[in-house]
Amino acid sequence: MSLDNVEAQLLLARSAYRKAKKDHPGMLQSPTSYKAKANKDPDVPSLKESLTGPHAEEFWCSMDDEVASLESKETWTVIPRSSLPPGTKVVPGTWVQRIK
């Protein structure tokens, strides 16, 4: 994708956001305030369903493998939340699991 295409898409997204904000004041707090629509695909269980369902052992093992892989690559550094300055935004994470 060319840089011109990326810039055009960003301008279009900003324009759509501004219009939505104008048409629905208070509805949009920030461009990142959207939450994904609930998915009822049986092959994509919720985290609770995957960790307590019939495939729980496989999901736990795959999660352990994923965390071990990320740790071996030194992808992050774990720090206590209490050591962060007040008002610091923490990047959230989530697990998405699929039955194959």
PDB file of N, CA and C in Angstrom:
ATOM      1  N   MET A   1       0.850  -1.171   0.000  1.00  0.00           N
ATOM      2  CA  MET A   1       0.000   0.000   0.000  1.00  0.00           C
ATOM      3  C   MET A   1       0.896   1.235   0.000  1.00  0.00           C
ATOM      4  N   SER A   2       0.585   2.181  -0.874  1.00  0.00           N
ATOM      5  CA  SER A   2       1.428   3.364  -0.974  1.00  0.00           C
ATOM      6  C   SER A   2       1.125   4.342   0.151  1.00  0.00           C
ATOM      7  N   LEU A   3       2.065   5.247   0.366  1.00  0.00           N
ATOM      8  CA  LEU A   3       1.908   6.250   1.406  1.00  0.00           C
ATOM      9  C   LEU A   3       0.714   7.148   1.119  1.00  0.00           C
ATOM     10  N   ASP A   4       0.476   7.472  -0.159  1.00  0.00           N
ATOM     11  CA  ASP A   4      -0.673   8.300  -0.527  1.00  0.00           C
ATOM     12  C   ASP A   4      -1.979   7.617  -0.138  1.00  0.00           C
ATOM     13  N   ASN A   5      -2.060   6.292  -0.356  1.00  0.00           N
ATOM     14  CA  ASN A   5      -3.269   5.554   0.017  1.00  0.00           C
ATOM     15  C   ASN A   5      -3.479   5.568   1.526  1.00  0.00           C
ATOM     16  N   VAL A   6      -2.410   5.393   2.284  1.00  0.00           N
ATOM     17  CA  VAL A   6      -2.506   5.406   3.747  1.00  0.00           C
ATOM     18  C   VAL A   6      -2.973   6.769   4.225  1.00  0.00           C
ATOM     19  N   GLU A   7      -2.376   7.835   3.680  1.00  0.00           N
ATOM     20  CA  GLU A   7      -2.775   9.186   4.074  1.00  0.00           C
ATOM     21  C   GLU A   7      -4.235   9.450   3.716  1.00  0.00           C
ATOM     22  N   ALA A   8      -4.671   8.995   2.547  1.00  0.00           N
ATOM     23  CA  ALA A   8      -6.065   9.174   2.136  1.00  0.00           C
ATOM     24  C   ALA A   8      -7.010   8.441   3.084  1.00  0.00           C
ATOM     25  N   GLN A   9      -6.639   7.225   3.483  1.00  0.00           N
ATOM     26  CA  GLN A   9      -7.477   6.464   4.406  1.00  0.00           C
ATOM     27  C   GLN A   9      -7.546   7.132   5.775  1.00  0.00           C
ATOM     28  N   LEU A  10      -6.412   7.683   6.236  1.00  0.00           N
ATOM     29  CA  LEU A  10      -6.411   8.391   7.520  1.00  0.00           C
ATOM     30  C   LEU A  10      -7.303   9.619   7.470  1.00  0.00           C
ATOM     31  N   LEU A  11      -7.224  10.392   6.364  1.00  0.00           N
ATOM     32  CA  LEU A  11      -8.076  11.567   6.223  1.00  0.00           C
ATOM     33  C   LEU A  11      -9.546  11.175   6.207  1.00  0.00           C
ATOM     34  N   LEU A  12      -9.873  10.100   5.505  1.00  0.00           N
ATOM     35  CA  LEU A  12     -11.246   9.618   5.447  1.00  0.00           C
ATOM     36  C   LEU A  12     -11.732   9.180   6.826  1.00  0.00           C
ATOM     37  N   ALA A  13     -10.891   8.467   7.572  1.00  0.00           N
ATOM     38  CA  ALA A  13     -11.262   8.009   8.919  1.00  0.00           C
ATOM     39  C   ALA A  13     -11.462   9.203   9.850  1.00  0.00           C
ATOM     40  N   ARG A  14     -10.571  10.195   9.780  1.00  0.00           N
ATOM     41  CA  ARG A  14     -10.720  11.387  10.620  1.00  0.00           C
ATOM     42  C   ARG A  14     -12.005  12.130  10.279  1.00  0.00           C
ATOM     43  N   SER A  15     -12.303  12.225   8.979  1.00  0.00           N
ATOM     44  CA  SER A  15     -13.516  12.912   8.540  1.00  0.00           C
ATOM     45  C   SER A  15     -14.758  12.199   9.066  1.00  0.00           C
ATOM     46  N   ALA A  16     -14.782  10.877   8.982  1.00  0.00           N
ATOM     47  CA  ALA A  16     -15.924  10.099   9.477  1.00  0.00           C
ATOM     48  C   ALA A  16     -16.069  10.252  10.983  1.00  0.00           C
ATOM     49  N   TYR A  17     -14.950  10.288  11.689  1.00  0.00           N
ATOM     50  CA  TYR A  17     -14.986  10.455  13.139  1.00  0.00           C
ATOM     51  C   TYR A  17     -15.550  11.821  13.502  1.00  0.00           C
ATOM     52  N   ARG A  18     -15.068  12.868  12.825  1.00  0.00           N
ATOM     53  CA  ARG A  18     -15.563  14.219  13.116  1.00  0.00           C
ATOM     54  C   ARG A  18     -17.066  14.319  12.862  1.00  0.00           C
ATOM     55  N   LYS A  19     -17.539  13.711  11.763  1.00  0.00           N
ATOM     56  CA  LYS A  19     -18.966  13.754  11.439  1.00  0.00           C
ATOM     57  C   LYS A  19     -19.774  13.022  12.511  1.00  0.00           C
ATOM     58  N   ALA A  20     -19.317  11.845  12.911  1.00  0.00           N
ATOM     59  CA  ALA A  20     -20.029  11.084  13.939  1.00  0.00           C
ATOM     60  C   ALA A  20     -20.053  11.853  15.253  1.00  0.00           C
ATOM     61  N   LYS A  21     -18.939  12.489  15.585  1.00  0.00           N
ATOM     62  CA  LYS A  21     -18.863  13.249  16.830  1.00  0.00           C
ATOM     63  C   LYS A  21     -19.822  14.434  16.791  1.00  0.00           C
ATOM     64  N   LYS A  22     -19.922  15.094  15.614  1.00  0.00           N
ATOM     65  CA  LYS A  22     -20.820  16.238  15.475  1.00  0.00           C
ATOM     66  C   LYS A  22     -22.285  15.790  15.533  1.00  0.00           C
ATOM     67  N   ASP A  23     -22.600  14.696  14.847  1.00  0.00           N
ATOM     68  CA  ASP A  23     -23.975  14.203  14.785  1.00  0.00           C
ATOM     69  C   ASP A  23     -24.435  13.563  16.087  1.00  0.00           C
ATOM     70  N   HIS A  24     -23.500  13.019  16.871  1.00  0.00           N
ATOM     71  CA  HIS A  24     -23.837  12.321  18.116  1.00  0.00           C
ATOM     72  C   HIS A  24     -22.927  12.792  19.244  1.00  0.00           C
ATOM     73  N   PRO A  25     -23.095  14.038  19.702  1.00  0.00           N
ATOM     74  CA  PRO A  25     -22.194  14.529  20.756  1.00  0.00           C
ATOM     75  C   PRO A  25     -22.295  13.671  22.012  1.00  0.00           C
ATOM     76  N   GLY A  26     -21.158  13.410  22.608  1.00  0.00           N
ATOM     77  CA  GLY A  26     -21.126  12.613  23.824  1.00  0.00           C
ATOM     78  C   GLY A  26     -21.049  11.128  23.568  1.00  0.00           C
ATOM     79  N   MET A  27     -21.403  10.703  22.355  1.00  0.00           N
ATOM     80  CA  MET A  27     -21.378   9.272  22.054  1.00  0.00           C
ATOM     81  C   MET A  27     -19.944   8.772  21.884  1.00  0.00           C
ATOM     82  N   LEU A  28     -19.137   9.587  21.234  1.00  0.00           N
ATOM     83  CA  LEU A  28     -17.754   9.187  20.990  1.00  0.00           C
ATOM     84  C   LEU A  28     -16.835   9.970  21.913  1.00  0.00           C
ATOM     85  N   GLN A  29     -16.173   9.289  22.808  1.00  0.00           N
ATOM     86  CA  GLN A  29     -15.258   9.954  23.731  1.00  0.00           C
ATOM     87  C   GLN A  29     -13.873  10.096  23.116  1.00  0.00           C
ATOM     88  N   SER A  30     -13.482   9.149  22.313  1.00  0.00           N
ATOM     89  CA  SER A  30     -12.186   9.189  21.650  1.00  0.00           C
ATOM     90  C   SER A  30     -12.252   8.240  20.469  1.00  0.00           C
ATOM     91  N   PRO A  31     -11.323   8.371  19.521  1.00  0.00           N
ATOM     92  CA  PRO A  31     -11.364   7.472  18.374  1.00  0.00           C
ATOM     93  C   PRO A  31     -11.088   6.017  18.735  1.00  0.00           C
ATOM     94  N   THR A  32     -10.590   5.750  19.939  1.00  0.00           N
ATOM     95  CA  THR A  32     -10.292   4.378  20.335  1.00  0.00           C
ATOM     96  C   THR A  32     -11.304   3.836  21.340  1.00  0.00           C
ATOM     97  N   SER A  33     -12.477   4.446  21.425  1.00  0.00           N
ATOM     98  CA  SER A  33     -13.435   4.027  22.432  1.00  0.00           C
ATOM     99  C   SER A  33     -14.408   2.963  21.926  1.00  0.00           C
ATOM    100  N   TYR A  34     -14.172   2.425  20.740  1.00  0.00           N
ATOM    101  CA  TYR A  34     -15.053   1.404  20.216  1.00  0.00           C
ATOM    102  C   TYR A  34     -14.740   0.047  20.822  1.00  0.00           C
ATOM    103  N   LYS A  35     -15.769  -0.766  20.979  1.00  0.00           N
ATOM    104  CA  LYS A  35     -15.582  -2.133  21.456  1.00  0.00           C
ATOM    105  C   LYS A  35     -16.119  -3.065  20.382  1.00  0.00           C
ATOM    106  N   ALA A  36     -15.435  -4.143  20.196  1.00  0.00           N
ATOM    107  CA  ALA A  36     -15.837  -5.091  19.163  1.00  0.00           C
ATOM    108  C   ALA A  36     -17.224  -5.657  19.461  1.00  0.00           C
ATOM    109  N   LYS A  37     -17.971  -5.898  18.421  1.00  0.00           N
ATOM    110  CA  LYS A  37     -19.291  -6.501  18.537  1.00  0.00           C
ATOM    111  C   LYS A  37     -19.147  -7.925  19.071  1.00  0.00           C
ATOM    112  N   ALA A  38     -20.066  -8.322  19.936  1.00  0.00           N
ATOM    113  CA  ALA A  38     -20.028  -9.674  20.489  1.00  0.00           C
ATOM    114  C   ALA A  38     -20.125 -10.691  19.358  1.00  0.00           C
ATOM    115  N   ASN A  39     -19.314 -11.702  19.438  1.00  0.00           N
ATOM    116  CA  ASN A  39     -19.252 -12.711  18.393  1.00  0.00           C
ATOM    117  C   ASN A  39     -19.827 -14.014  18.942  1.00  0.00           C
ATOM    118  N   LYS A  40     -20.765 -14.586  18.241  1.00  0.00           N
ATOM    119  CA  LYS A  40     -21.384 -15.836  18.684  1.00  0.00           C
ATOM    120  C   LYS A  40     -20.914 -17.023  17.860  1.00  0.00           C
ATOM    121  N   ASP A  41     -19.759 -16.900  17.241  1.00  0.00           N
ATOM    122  CA  ASP A  41     -19.185 -17.992  16.470  1.00  0.00           C
ATOM    123  C   ASP A  41     -18.797 -19.118  17.422  1.00  0.00           C
ATOM    124  N   PRO A  42     -19.316 -20.333  17.243  1.00  0.00           N
ATOM    125  CA  PRO A  42     -18.999 -21.432  18.170  1.00  0.00           C
ATOM    126  C   PRO A  42     -17.522 -21.821  18.152  1.00  0.00           C
ATOM    127  N   ASP A  43     -16.797 -21.448  17.090  1.00  0.00           N
ATOM    128  CA  ASP A  43     -15.366 -21.762  17.019  1.00  0.00           C
ATOM    129  C   ASP A  43     -14.508 -20.714  17.728  1.00  0.00           C
ATOM    130  N   VAL A  44     -15.134 -19.627  18.197  1.00  0.00           N
ATOM    131  CA  VAL A  44     -14.409 -18.578  18.914  1.00  0.00           C
ATOM    132  C   VAL A  44     -15.085 -18.379  20.274  1.00  0.00           C
ATOM    133  N   PRO A  45     -14.755 -19.224  21.243  1.00  0.00           N
ATOM    134  CA  PRO A  45     -15.399 -19.117  22.558  1.00  0.00           C
ATOM    135  C   PRO A  45     -14.866 -17.910  23.334  1.00  0.00           C
ATOM    136  N   SER A  46     -15.644 -17.458  24.309  1.00  0.00           N
ATOM    137  CA  SER A  46     -15.150 -16.402  25.191  1.00  0.00           C
ATOM    138  C   SER A  46     -14.003 -16.982  26.022  1.00  0.00           C
ATOM    139  N   LEU A  47     -13.255 -16.111  26.670  1.00  0.00           N
ATOM    140  CA  LEU A  47     -12.138 -16.595  27.487  1.00  0.00           C
ATOM    141  C   LEU A  47     -12.638 -17.538  28.582  1.00  0.00           C
ATOM    142  N   LYS A  48     -13.738 -17.158  29.228  1.00  0.00           N
ATOM    143  CA  LYS A  48     -14.288 -18.003  30.297  1.00  0.00           C
ATOM    144  C   LYS A  48     -14.710 -19.371  29.742  1.00  0.00           C
ATOM    145  N   GLU A  49     -15.380 -19.347  28.586  1.00  0.00           N
ATOM    146  CA  GLU A  49     -15.817 -20.612  27.977  1.00  0.00           C
ATOM    147  C   GLU A  49     -14.622 -21.481  27.592  1.00  0.00           C
ATOM    148  N   SER A  50     -13.581 -20.844  27.046  1.00  0.00           N
ATOM    149  CA  SER A  50     -12.440 -21.642  26.598  1.00  0.00           C
ATOM    150  C   SER A  50     -11.661 -22.245  27.765  1.00  0.00           C
ATOM    151  N   LEU A  51     -11.605 -21.545  28.894  1.00  0.00           N
ATOM    152  CA  LEU A  51     -10.815 -22.035  30.023  1.00  0.00           C
ATOM    153  C   LEU A  51     -11.590 -22.946  30.968  1.00  0.00           C
ATOM    154  N   THR A  52     -12.887 -23.088  30.736  1.00  0.00           N
ATOM    155  CA  THR A  52     -13.686 -23.990  31.579  1.00  0.00           C
ATOM    156  C   THR A  52     -14.412 -25.054  30.760  1.00  0.00           C
ATOM    157  N   GLY A  53     -14.324 -24.971  29.428  1.00  0.00           N
ATOM    158  CA  GLY A  53     -15.052 -25.897  28.556  1.00  0.00           C
ATOM    159  C   GLY A  53     -14.314 -27.192  28.321  1.00  0.00           C
ATOM    160  N   PRO A  54     -14.799 -27.964  27.352  1.00  0.00           N
ATOM    161  CA  PRO A  54     -14.228 -29.281  27.087  1.00  0.00           C
ATOM    162  C   PRO A  54     -12.799 -29.239  26.536  1.00  0.00           C
ATOM    163  N   HIS A  55     -12.386 -28.102  25.982  1.00  0.00           N
ATOM    164  CA  HIS A  55     -11.035 -27.984  25.427  1.00  0.00           C
ATOM    165  C   HIS A  55     -10.124 -27.172  26.347  1.00  0.00           C
ATOM    166  N   ALA A  56     -10.503 -27.054  27.619  1.00  0.00           N
ATOM    167  CA  ALA A  56      -9.779 -26.190  28.560  1.00  0.00           C
ATOM    168  C   ALA A  56      -8.301 -26.534  28.663  1.00  0.00           C
ATOM    169  N   GLU A  57      -7.979 -27.804  28.773  1.00  0.00           N
ATOM    170  CA  GLU A  57      -6.571 -28.205  28.929  1.00  0.00           C
ATOM    171  C   GLU A  57      -5.729 -27.751  27.741  1.00  0.00           C
ATOM    172  N   GLU A  58      -6.283 -27.898  26.527  1.00  0.00           N
ATOM    173  CA  GLU A  58      -5.561 -27.471  25.323  1.00  0.00           C
ATOM    174  C   GLU A  58      -5.358 -25.958  25.309  1.00  0.00           C
ATOM    175  N   PHE A  59      -6.387 -25.215  25.726  1.00  0.00           N
ATOM    176  CA  PHE A  59      -6.274 -23.753  25.756  1.00  0.00           C
ATOM    177  C   PHE A  59      -5.244 -23.309  26.787  1.00  0.00           C
ATOM    178  N   TRP A  60      -5.265 -23.916  27.966  1.00  0.00           N
ATOM    179  CA  TRP A  60      -4.278 -23.561  29.000  1.00  0.00           C
ATOM    180  C   TRP A  60      -2.868 -23.825  28.488  1.00  0.00           C
ATOM    181  N   CYS A  61      -2.663 -24.964  27.840  1.00  0.00           N
ATOM    182  CA  CYS A  61      -1.325 -25.300  27.308  1.00  0.00           C
ATOM    183  C   CYS A  61      -0.899 -24.309  26.229  1.00  0.00           C
ATOM    184  N   SER A  62      -1.821 -23.959  25.348  1.00  0.00           N
ATOM    185  CA  SER A  62      -1.466 -23.014  24.282  1.00  0.00           C
ATOM    186  C   SER A  62      -1.161 -21.633  24.853  1.00  0.00           C
ATOM    187  N   MET A  63      -1.871 -21.234  25.901  1.00  0.00           N
ATOM    188  CA  MET A  63      -1.593 -19.948  26.542  1.00  0.00           C
ATOM    189  C   MET A  63      -0.225 -19.976  27.218  1.00  0.00           C
ATOM    190  N   ASP A  64       0.085 -21.070  27.887  1.00  0.00           N
ATOM    191  CA  ASP A  64       1.415 -21.212  28.511  1.00  0.00           C
ATOM    192  C   ASP A  64       2.517 -21.131  27.461  1.00  0.00           C
ATOM    193  N   ASP A  65       2.321 -21.826  26.333  1.00  0.00           N
ATOM    194  CA  ASP A  65       3.312 -21.799  25.254  1.00  0.00           C
ATOM    195  C   ASP A  65       3.490 -20.392  24.698  1.00  0.00           C
ATOM    196  N   GLU A  66       2.388 -19.687  24.510  1.00  0.00           N
ATOM    197  CA  GLU A  66       2.445 -18.322  23.967  1.00  0.00           C
ATOM    198  C   GLU A  66       3.193 -17.385  24.907  1.00  0.00           C
ATOM    199  N   VAL A  67       2.878 -17.436  26.190  1.00  0.00           N
ATOM    200  CA  VAL A  67       3.556 -16.575  27.166  1.00  0.00           C
ATOM    201  C   VAL A  67       5.042 -16.928  27.236  1.00  0.00           C
ATOM    202  N   ALA A  68       5.364 -18.209  27.239  1.00  0.00           N
ATOM    203  CA  ALA A  68       6.774 -18.631  27.275  1.00  0.00           C
ATOM    204  C   ALA A  68       7.523 -18.124  26.050  1.00  0.00           C
ATOM    205  N   SER A  69       6.888 -18.183  24.890  1.00  0.00           N
ATOM    206  CA  SER A  69       7.506 -17.693  23.665  1.00  0.00           C
ATOM    207  C   SER A  69       7.767 -16.189  23.737  1.00  0.00           C
ATOM    208  N   LEU A  70       6.778 -15.435  24.195  1.00  0.00           N
ATOM    209  CA  LEU A  70       6.940 -13.982  24.313  1.00  0.00           C
ATOM    210  C   LEU A  70       8.011 -13.626  25.336  1.00  0.00           C
ATOM    211  N   GLU A  71       8.051 -14.357  26.441  1.00  0.00           N
ATOM    212  CA  GLU A  71       9.069 -14.094  27.461  1.00  0.00           C
ATOM    213  C   GLU A  71      10.468 -14.428  26.946  1.00  0.00           C
ATOM    214  N   SER A  72      10.604 -15.515  26.189  1.00  0.00           N
ATOM    215  CA  SER A  72      11.926 -15.894  25.673  1.00  0.00           C
ATOM    216  C   SER A  72      12.446 -14.869  24.670  1.00  0.00           C
ATOM    217  N   LYS A  73      11.533 -14.164  24.005  1.00  0.00           N
ATOM    218  CA  LYS A  73      11.927 -13.123  23.047  1.00  0.00           C
ATOM    219  C   LYS A  73      12.047 -11.752  23.701  1.00  0.00           C
ATOM    220  N   GLU A  74      11.857 -11.727  25.030  1.00  0.00           N
ATOM    221  CA  GLU A  74      11.919 -10.472  25.805  1.00  0.00           C
ATOM    222  C   GLU A  74      11.033  -9.390  25.189  1.00  0.00           C
ATOM    223  N   THR A  75       9.780  -9.776  24.921  1.00  0.00           N
ATOM    224  CA  THR A  75       8.820  -8.883  24.289  1.00  0.00           C
ATOM    225  C   THR A  75       8.390  -7.746  25.209  1.00  0.00           C
ATOM    226  N   TRP A  76       8.380  -7.992  26.506  1.00  0.00           N
ATOM    227  CA  TRP A  76       7.958  -6.967  27.452  1.00  0.00           C
ATOM    228  C   TRP A  76       8.747  -7.083  28.745  1.00  0.00           C
ATOM    229  N   THR A  77       8.553  -6.067  29.577  1.00  0.00           N
ATOM    230  CA  THR A  77       9.114  -6.074  30.916  1.00  0.00           C
ATOM    231  C   THR A  77       7.956  -5.898  31.882  1.00  0.00           C
ATOM    232  N   VAL A  78       7.811  -6.803  32.817  1.00  0.00           N
ATOM    233  CA  VAL A  78       6.731  -6.710  33.795  1.00  0.00           C
ATOM    234  C   VAL A  78       7.164  -5.741  34.894  1.00  0.00           C
ATOM    235  N   ILE A  79       6.304  -4.747  35.138  1.00  0.00           N
ATOM    236  CA  ILE A  79       6.566  -3.795  36.221  1.00  0.00           C
ATOM    237  C   ILE A  79       5.304  -3.666  37.053  1.00  0.00           C
ATOM    238  N   PRO A  80       5.432  -3.412  38.359  1.00  0.00           N
ATOM    239  CA  PRO A  80       4.238  -3.254  39.187  1.00  0.00           C
ATOM    240  C   PRO A  80       3.461  -2.008  38.769  1.00  0.00           C
ATOM    241  N   ARG A  81       2.155  -2.136  38.700  1.00  0.00           N
ATOM    242  CA  ARG A  81       1.308  -1.003  38.346  1.00  0.00           C
ATOM    243  C   ARG A  81       1.511   0.152  39.325  1.00  0.00           C
ATOM    244  N   SER A  82       1.797  -0.190  40.580  1.00  0.00           N
ATOM    245  CA  SER A  82       1.987   0.847  41.610  1.00  0.00           C
ATOM    246  C   SER A  82       3.225   1.706  41.339  1.00  0.00           C
ATOM    247  N   SER A  83       4.157   1.222  40.497  1.00  0.00           N
ATOM    248  CA  SER A  83       5.361   1.994  40.207  1.00  0.00           C
ATOM    249  C   SER A  83       5.155   3.009  39.082  1.00  0.00           C
ATOM    250  N   LEU A  84       3.974   2.977  38.437  1.00  0.00           N
ATOM    251  CA  LEU A  84       3.689   3.902  37.345  1.00  0.00           C
ATOM    252  C   LEU A  84       3.249   5.258  37.888  1.00  0.00           C
ATOM    253  N   PRO A  85       3.593   6.337  37.206  1.00  0.00           N
ATOM    254  CA  PRO A  85       3.118   7.652  37.634  1.00  0.00           C
ATOM    255  C   PRO A  85       1.597   7.727  37.506  1.00  0.00           C
ATOM    256  N   PRO A  86       0.939   8.505  38.367  1.00  0.00           N
ATOM    257  CA  PRO A  86      -0.520   8.645  38.264  1.00  0.00           C
ATOM    258  C   PRO A  86      -0.917   9.143  36.878  1.00  0.00           C
ATOM    259  N   GLY A  87      -1.989   8.578  36.346  1.00  0.00           N
ATOM    260  CA  GLY A  87      -2.494   8.985  35.045  1.00  0.00           C
ATOM    261  C   GLY A  87      -1.859   8.270  33.865  1.00  0.00           C
ATOM    262  N   THR A  88      -0.913   7.376  34.138  1.00  0.00           N
ATOM    263  CA  THR A  88      -0.269   6.635  33.056  1.00  0.00           C
ATOM    264  C   THR A  88      -1.271   5.658  32.446  1.00  0.00           C
ATOM    265  N   LYS A  89      -1.342   5.646  31.118  1.00  0.00           N
ATOM    266  CA  LYS A  89      -2.243   4.725  30.432  1.00  0.00           C
ATOM    267  C   LYS A  89      -1.510   3.407  30.190  1.00  0.00           C
ATOM    268  N   VAL A  90      -2.140   2.316  30.589  1.00  0.00           N
ATOM    269  CA  VAL A  90      -1.578   0.981  30.419  1.00  0.00           C
ATOM    270  C   VAL A  90      -2.232   0.354  29.199  1.00  0.00           C
ATOM    271  N   VAL A  91      -1.429  -0.235  28.334  1.00  0.00           N
ATOM    272  CA  VAL A  91      -1.959  -0.877  27.135  1.00  0.00           C
ATOM    273  C   VAL A  91      -2.622  -2.186  27.548  1.00  0.00           C
ATOM    274  N   PRO A  92      -3.930  -2.337  27.283  1.00  0.00           N
ATOM    275  CA  PRO A  92      -4.605  -3.575  27.667  1.00  0.00           C
ATOM    276  C   PRO A  92      -4.288  -4.704  26.697  1.00  0.00           C
ATOM    277  N   GLY A  93      -4.487  -5.905  27.153  1.00  0.00           N
ATOM    278  CA  GLY A  93      -4.307  -7.072  26.309  1.00  0.00           C
ATOM    279  C   GLY A  93      -5.500  -7.987  26.448  1.00  0.00           C
ATOM    280  N   THR A  94      -5.684  -8.860  25.497  1.00  0.00           N
ATOM    281  CA  THR A  94      -6.793  -9.800  25.573  1.00  0.00           C
ATOM    282  C   THR A  94      -6.396 -11.083  24.853  1.00  0.00           C
ATOM    283  N   TRP A  95      -7.035 -12.160  25.207  1.00  0.00           N
ATOM    284  CA  TRP A  95      -6.822 -13.444  24.552  1.00  0.00           C
ATOM    285  C   TRP A  95      -7.955 -13.672  23.576  1.00  0.00           C
ATOM    286  N   VAL A  96      -7.619 -14.082  22.370  1.00  0.00           N
ATOM    287  CA  VAL A  96      -8.628 -14.502  21.392  1.00  0.00           C
ATOM    288  C   VAL A  96      -8.244 -15.919  21.011  1.00  0.00           C
ATOM    289  N   GLN A  97      -9.166 -16.830  21.251  1.00  0.00           N
ATOM    290  CA  GLN A  97      -8.860 -18.241  21.015  1.00  0.00           C
ATOM    291  C   GLN A  97      -9.858 -18.825  20.037  1.00  0.00           C
ATOM    292  N   ARG A  98      -9.395 -19.741  19.242  1.00  0.00           N
ATOM    293  CA  ARG A  98     -10.238 -20.363  18.215  1.00  0.00           C
ATOM    294  C   ARG A  98     -10.088 -21.873  18.282  1.00  0.00           C
ATOM    295  N   ILE A  99     -11.191 -22.566  18.106  1.00  0.00           N
ATOM    296  CA  ILE A  99     -11.170 -24.029  18.039  1.00  0.00           C
ATOM    297  C   ILE A  99     -10.927 -24.408  16.584  1.00  0.00           C
ATOM    298  N   LYS A 100      -9.837 -25.169  16.369  1.00  0.00           N
ATOM    299  CA  LYS A 100      -9.504 -25.566  14.974  1.00  0.00           C
ATOM    300  C   LYS A 100      -9.806 -27.018  14.753  1.00  0.00           C
TER     301      LYS A 100
END
